[in-house]
Amino acid sequence: MNKKTILLITVFSLVGFTNVTAQRGNKKVNPQSKQFKYSTTVEKERPELDEETKRLIAAYRKTPTQSNYNALRTKVAANYDAVIARKKAKLEELKREAKHTSKVTEMQEIVDEMLKDRENRINQTMNRFTDKRLTPGARESKDGYLPVLGRHKT
């Protein structure tokens, strides 16, 4: 790898794909999925937030009560569980139809990791939705400097 490639990998690792997504229809393309470009088991896109989730985010940001937080967290958990269910269904399909066991193994590892890390991923999503420093426009530079984002405790 050359220095430019290493730098790009580092930047994508630090920034994450939430700020470097491109729109395509009603889905966002994850540029980090390029590392899995030959995989048929790893999704290259992620769906847009549904209207109910958007409404709950807006309600929490307008009135950050524990009740609104809990309602949003319940919806985020349900959304995550729906993704896990989709992955499990794909795993069962691969068990029946895959020509190579490597595909089944790859999907099994994805499902296992998602189940193991469920609470952490839900908490990360909640931080993205509830941290005031991450609201739209919060990081716009007013004086040429971007505010530094550190660990935020809720």
C-alpha atoms as a PDB file:
ATOM      1  CA  MET A   1       0.000   0.000   0.000  1.00  0.00           C
ATOM      2  CA  ASN A   2       1.188   3.489  -0.752  1.00  0.00           C
ATOM      3  CA  LYS A   3       1.012   6.424   1.688  1.00  0.00           C
ATOM      4  CA  LYS A   4      -2.118   7.851   0.053  1.00  0.00           C
ATOM      5  CA  THR A   5      -4.001   4.566   0.471  1.00  0.00           C
ATOM      6  CA  ILE A   6      -2.941   4.264   4.115  1.00  0.00           C
ATOM      7  CA  LEU A   7      -3.995   7.863   4.742  1.00  0.00           C
ATOM      8  CA  LEU A   8      -7.415   7.276   3.168  1.00  0.00           C
ATOM      9  CA  ILE A   9      -7.963   4.125   5.226  1.00  0.00           C
ATOM     10  CA  THR A  10      -7.020   6.033   8.370  1.00  0.00           C
ATOM     11  CA  VAL A  11      -9.358   8.918   7.526  1.00  0.00           C
ATOM     12  CA  PHE A  12     -12.270   6.564   6.833  1.00  0.00           C
ATOM     13  CA  SER A  13     -11.557   4.755  10.101  1.00  0.00           C
ATOM     14  CA  LEU A  14     -11.544   7.991  12.083  1.00  0.00           C
ATOM     15  CA  VAL A  15     -14.460   9.684  10.377  1.00  0.00           C
ATOM     16  CA  GLY A  16     -16.679   6.646  10.006  1.00  0.00           C
ATOM     17  CA  PHE A  17     -19.059   6.237   7.130  1.00  0.00           C
ATOM     18  CA  THR A  18     -21.892   8.336   8.536  1.00  0.00           C
ATOM     19  CA  ASN A  19     -20.352  11.588   7.295  1.00  0.00           C
ATOM     20  CA  VAL A  20     -19.001  10.255   4.015  1.00  0.00           C
ATOM     21  CA  THR A  21     -22.050   8.594   2.551  1.00  0.00           C
ATOM     22  CA  ALA A  22     -23.385   9.282  -0.873  1.00  0.00           C
ATOM     23  CA  GLN A  23     -27.066   9.238  -1.714  1.00  0.00           C
ATOM     24  CA  ARG A  24     -28.410   6.690  -4.191  1.00  0.00           C
ATOM     25  CA  GLY A  25     -32.154   6.512  -4.366  1.00  0.00           C
ATOM     26  CA  ASN A  26     -33.504   6.098  -0.861  1.00  0.00           C
ATOM     27  CA  LYS A  27     -30.408   4.310   0.425  1.00  0.00           C
ATOM     28  CA  LYS A  28     -26.962   5.458   1.466  1.00  0.00           C
ATOM     29  CA  VAL A  29     -23.891   3.828  -0.031  1.00  0.00           C
ATOM     30  CA  ASN A  30     -21.275   2.841   2.513  1.00  0.00           C
ATOM     31  CA  PRO A  31     -17.833   3.536   0.983  1.00  0.00           C
ATOM     32  CA  GLN A  32     -16.183   1.271   3.555  1.00  0.00           C
ATOM     33  CA  SER A  33     -18.059  -1.644   2.014  1.00  0.00           C
ATOM     34  CA  LYS A  34     -15.512  -1.582  -0.807  1.00  0.00           C
ATOM     35  CA  GLN A  35     -13.391  -3.885   1.321  1.00  0.00           C
ATOM     36  CA  PHE A  36     -16.171  -6.434   0.778  1.00  0.00           C
ATOM     37  CA  LYS A  37     -16.734  -5.629  -2.891  1.00  0.00           C
ATOM     38  CA  TYR A  38     -16.664  -9.296  -3.884  1.00  0.00           C
ATOM     39  CA  SER A  39     -18.898 -10.414  -1.025  1.00  0.00           C
ATOM     40  CA  THR A  40     -22.515 -11.227  -1.717  1.00  0.00           C
ATOM     41  CA  THR A  41     -23.333 -11.510   1.990  1.00  0.00           C
ATOM     42  CA  VAL A  42     -22.288  -8.022   3.118  1.00  0.00           C
ATOM     43  CA  GLU A  43     -24.785  -5.295   2.301  1.00  0.00           C
ATOM     44  CA  LYS A  44     -23.295  -2.385   0.391  1.00  0.00           C
ATOM     45  CA  GLU A  45     -26.145  -0.050   1.332  1.00  0.00           C
ATOM     46  CA  ARG A  46     -28.080   0.819   4.432  1.00  0.00           C
ATOM     47  CA  PRO A  47     -31.722   1.864   4.435  1.00  0.00           C
ATOM     48  CA  GLU A  48     -32.895   5.369   5.232  1.00  0.00           C
ATOM     49  CA  LEU A  49     -34.475   6.014   8.617  1.00  0.00           C
ATOM     50  CA  ASP A  50     -38.203   5.411   8.595  1.00  0.00           C
ATOM     51  CA  GLU A  51     -40.620   8.227   9.383  1.00  0.00           C
ATOM     52  CA  GLU A  52     -41.379   7.011  12.897  1.00  0.00           C
ATOM     53  CA  THR A  53     -37.675   6.984  13.817  1.00  0.00           C
ATOM     54  CA  LYS A  54     -37.227  10.475  12.370  1.00  0.00           C
ATOM     55  CA  ARG A  55     -40.249  11.666  14.353  1.00  0.00           C
ATOM     56  CA  LEU A  56     -38.882  10.180  17.592  1.00  0.00           C
ATOM     57  CA  ILE A  57     -35.462  11.770  17.007  1.00  0.00           C
ATOM     58  CA  ALA A  58     -37.100  15.157  16.432  1.00  0.00           C
ATOM     59  CA  ALA A  59     -39.278  14.742  19.536  1.00  0.00           C
ATOM     60  CA  TYR A  60     -36.253  13.943  21.687  1.00  0.00           C
ATOM     61  CA  ARG A  61     -34.207  16.826  20.304  1.00  0.00           C
ATOM     62  CA  LYS A  62     -37.106  19.241  20.894  1.00  0.00           C
ATOM     63  CA  THR A  63     -37.908  17.889  24.376  1.00  0.00           C
ATOM     64  CA  PRO A  64     -35.063  15.725  25.747  1.00  0.00           C
ATOM     65  CA  THR A  65     -37.061  13.919  28.445  1.00  0.00           C
ATOM     66  CA  GLN A  66     -36.423  10.404  29.718  1.00  0.00           C
ATOM     67  CA  SER A  67     -39.761   9.355  28.228  1.00  0.00           C
ATOM     68  CA  ASN A  68     -38.763  10.568  24.742  1.00  0.00           C
ATOM     69  CA  TYR A  69     -35.332   8.962  25.132  1.00  0.00           C
ATOM     70  CA  ASN A  70     -36.905   5.622  26.090  1.00  0.00           C
ATOM     71  CA  ALA A  71     -39.341   5.740  23.153  1.00  0.00           C
ATOM     72  CA  LEU A  72     -36.474   6.449  20.744  1.00  0.00           C
ATOM     73  CA  ARG A  73     -34.295   3.730  22.268  1.00  0.00           C
ATOM     74  CA  THR A  74     -37.115   1.197  21.944  1.00  0.00           C
ATOM     75  CA  LYS A  75     -37.490   2.072  18.246  1.00  0.00           C
ATOM     76  CA  VAL A  76     -33.714   1.948  17.655  1.00  0.00           C
ATOM     77  CA  ALA A  77     -33.589  -1.495  19.297  1.00  0.00           C
ATOM     78  CA  ALA A  78     -36.520  -2.695  17.155  1.00  0.00           C
ATOM     79  CA  ASN A  79     -34.784  -1.400  14.012  1.00  0.00           C
ATOM     80  CA  TYR A  80     -31.564  -3.196  14.994  1.00  0.00           C
ATOM     81  CA  ASP A  81     -33.440  -6.411  15.740  1.00  0.00           C
ATOM     82  CA  ALA A  82     -35.075  -6.195  12.292  1.00  0.00           C
ATOM     83  CA  VAL A  83     -31.601  -6.030  10.724  1.00  0.00           C
ATOM     84  CA  ILE A  84     -30.527  -9.065  12.753  1.00  0.00           C
ATOM     85  CA  ALA A  85     -33.646 -10.925  11.595  1.00  0.00           C
ATOM     86  CA  ARG A  86     -32.797 -10.078   7.969  1.00  0.00           C
ATOM     87  CA  LYS A  87     -29.237 -11.338   8.476  1.00  0.00           C
ATOM     88  CA  LYS A  88     -30.499 -14.562  10.079  1.00  0.00           C
ATOM     89  CA  ALA A  89     -32.864 -15.120   7.154  1.00  0.00           C
ATOM     90  CA  LYS A  90     -29.976 -14.591   4.728  1.00  0.00           C
ATOM     91  CA  LEU A  91     -27.898 -17.053   6.767  1.00  0.00           C
ATOM     92  CA  GLU A  92     -30.633 -19.699   6.495  1.00  0.00           C
ATOM     93  CA  GLU A  93     -30.899 -19.046   2.759  1.00  0.00           C
ATOM     94  CA  LEU A  94     -27.142 -19.457   2.386  1.00  0.00           C
ATOM     95  CA  LYS A  95     -27.193 -22.690   4.385  1.00  0.00           C
ATOM     96  CA  ARG A  96     -29.668 -24.075   1.837  1.00  0.00           C
ATOM     97  CA  GLU A  97     -28.262 -22.610  -1.384  1.00  0.00           C
ATOM     98  CA  ALA A  98     -24.612 -21.555  -1.038  1.00  0.00           C
ATOM     99  CA  LYS A  99     -22.146 -23.371  -3.220  1.00  0.00           C
ATOM    100  CA  HIS A 100     -19.262 -22.627  -0.852  1.00  0.00           C
ATOM    101  CA  THR A 101     -19.279 -22.975   2.917  1.00  0.00           C
ATOM    102  CA  SER A 102     -17.185 -19.809   3.145  1.00  0.00           C
ATOM    103  CA  LYS A 103     -20.343 -17.755   2.435  1.00  0.00           C
ATOM    104  CA  VAL A 104     -22.205 -19.473   5.272  1.00  0.00           C
ATOM    105  CA  THR A 105     -19.245 -18.981   7.603  1.00  0.00           C
ATOM    106  CA  GLU A 106     -18.973 -15.301   6.666  1.00  0.00           C
ATOM    107  CA  MET A 107     -22.665 -14.660   7.338  1.00  0.00           C
ATOM    108  CA  GLN A 108     -22.597 -16.681  10.562  1.00  0.00           C
ATOM    109  CA  GLU A 109     -19.721 -14.503  11.807  1.00  0.00           C
ATOM    110  CA  ILE A 110     -21.693 -11.357  10.930  1.00  0.00           C
ATOM    111  CA  VAL A 111     -24.801 -12.571  12.779  1.00  0.00           C
ATOM    112  CA  ASP A 112     -22.788 -13.714  15.813  1.00  0.00           C
ATOM    113  CA  GLU A 113     -20.960 -10.390  16.031  1.00  0.00           C
ATOM    114  CA  MET A 114     -24.193  -8.406  15.703  1.00  0.00           C
ATOM    115  CA  LEU A 115     -25.798 -10.421  18.500  1.00  0.00           C
ATOM    116  CA  LYS A 116     -22.755 -10.183  20.762  1.00  0.00           C
ATOM    117  CA  ASP A 117     -22.386  -6.427  20.264  1.00  0.00           C
ATOM    118  CA  ARG A 118     -26.114  -5.559  20.221  1.00  0.00           C
ATOM    119  CA  GLU A 119     -26.264  -3.285  23.280  1.00  0.00           C
ATOM    120  CA  ASN A 120     -23.090  -1.424  22.330  1.00  0.00           C
ATOM    121  CA  ARG A 121     -24.368  -0.771  18.803  1.00  0.00           C
ATOM    122  CA  ILE A 122     -27.738   0.433  20.068  1.00  0.00           C
ATOM    123  CA  ASN A 123     -25.962   2.751  22.520  1.00  0.00           C
ATOM    124  CA  GLN A 124     -23.744   4.108  19.718  1.00  0.00           C
ATOM    125  CA  THR A 125     -26.795   4.811  17.593  1.00  0.00           C
ATOM    126  CA  MET A 126     -28.501   6.523  20.516  1.00  0.00           C
ATOM    127  CA  ASN A 127     -25.431   8.702  21.039  1.00  0.00           C
ATOM    128  CA  ARG A 128     -25.568   9.705  17.376  1.00  0.00           C
ATOM    129  CA  PHE A 129     -29.223  10.691  17.682  1.00  0.00           C
ATOM    130  CA  THR A 130     -29.177  12.341  21.125  1.00  0.00           C
ATOM    131  CA  ASP A 131     -25.789  14.082  21.410  1.00  0.00           C
ATOM    132  CA  LYS A 132     -26.445  17.799  20.868  1.00  0.00           C
ATOM    133  CA  ARG A 133     -22.992  18.182  19.336  1.00  0.00           C
ATOM    134  CA  LEU A 134     -24.089  15.921  16.476  1.00  0.00           C
ATOM    135  CA  THR A 135     -27.285  17.722  15.503  1.00  0.00           C
ATOM    136  CA  PRO A 136     -27.432  19.119  11.966  1.00  0.00           C
ATOM    137  CA  GLY A 137     -25.316  22.263  11.733  1.00  0.00           C
ATOM    138  CA  ALA A 138     -23.712  21.833  15.163  1.00  0.00           C
ATOM    139  CA  ARG A 139     -20.252  21.408  13.690  1.00  0.00           C
ATOM    140  CA  GLU A 140     -20.395  24.212  11.172  1.00  0.00           C
ATOM    141  CA  SER A 141     -17.298  26.323  11.446  1.00  0.00           C
ATOM    142  CA  LYS A 142     -18.027  29.880  12.510  1.00  0.00           C
ATOM    143  CA  ASP A 143     -14.466  31.048  13.005  1.00  0.00           C
ATOM    144  CA  GLY A 144     -12.471  28.645  10.837  1.00  0.00           C
ATOM    145  CA  TYR A 145     -12.175  25.975  13.536  1.00  0.00           C
ATOM    146  CA  LEU A 146     -14.289  22.877  13.997  1.00  0.00           C
ATOM    147  CA  PRO A 147     -15.285  21.942  17.546  1.00  0.00           C
ATOM    148  CA  VAL A 148     -13.572  18.818  18.821  1.00  0.00           C
ATOM    149  CA  LEU A 149     -15.873  15.956  19.631  1.00  0.00           C
ATOM    150  CA  GLY A 150     -14.861  13.818  22.592  1.00  0.00           C
ATOM    151  CA  ARG A 151     -16.562  11.250  24.692  1.00  0.00           C
ATOM    152  CA  HIS A 152     -20.021  12.362  25.808  1.00  0.00           C
ATOM    153  CA  LYS A 153     -21.791  10.808  28.773  1.00  0.00           C
ATOM    154  CA  THR A 154     -25.578  10.813  28.875  1.00  0.00           C
END
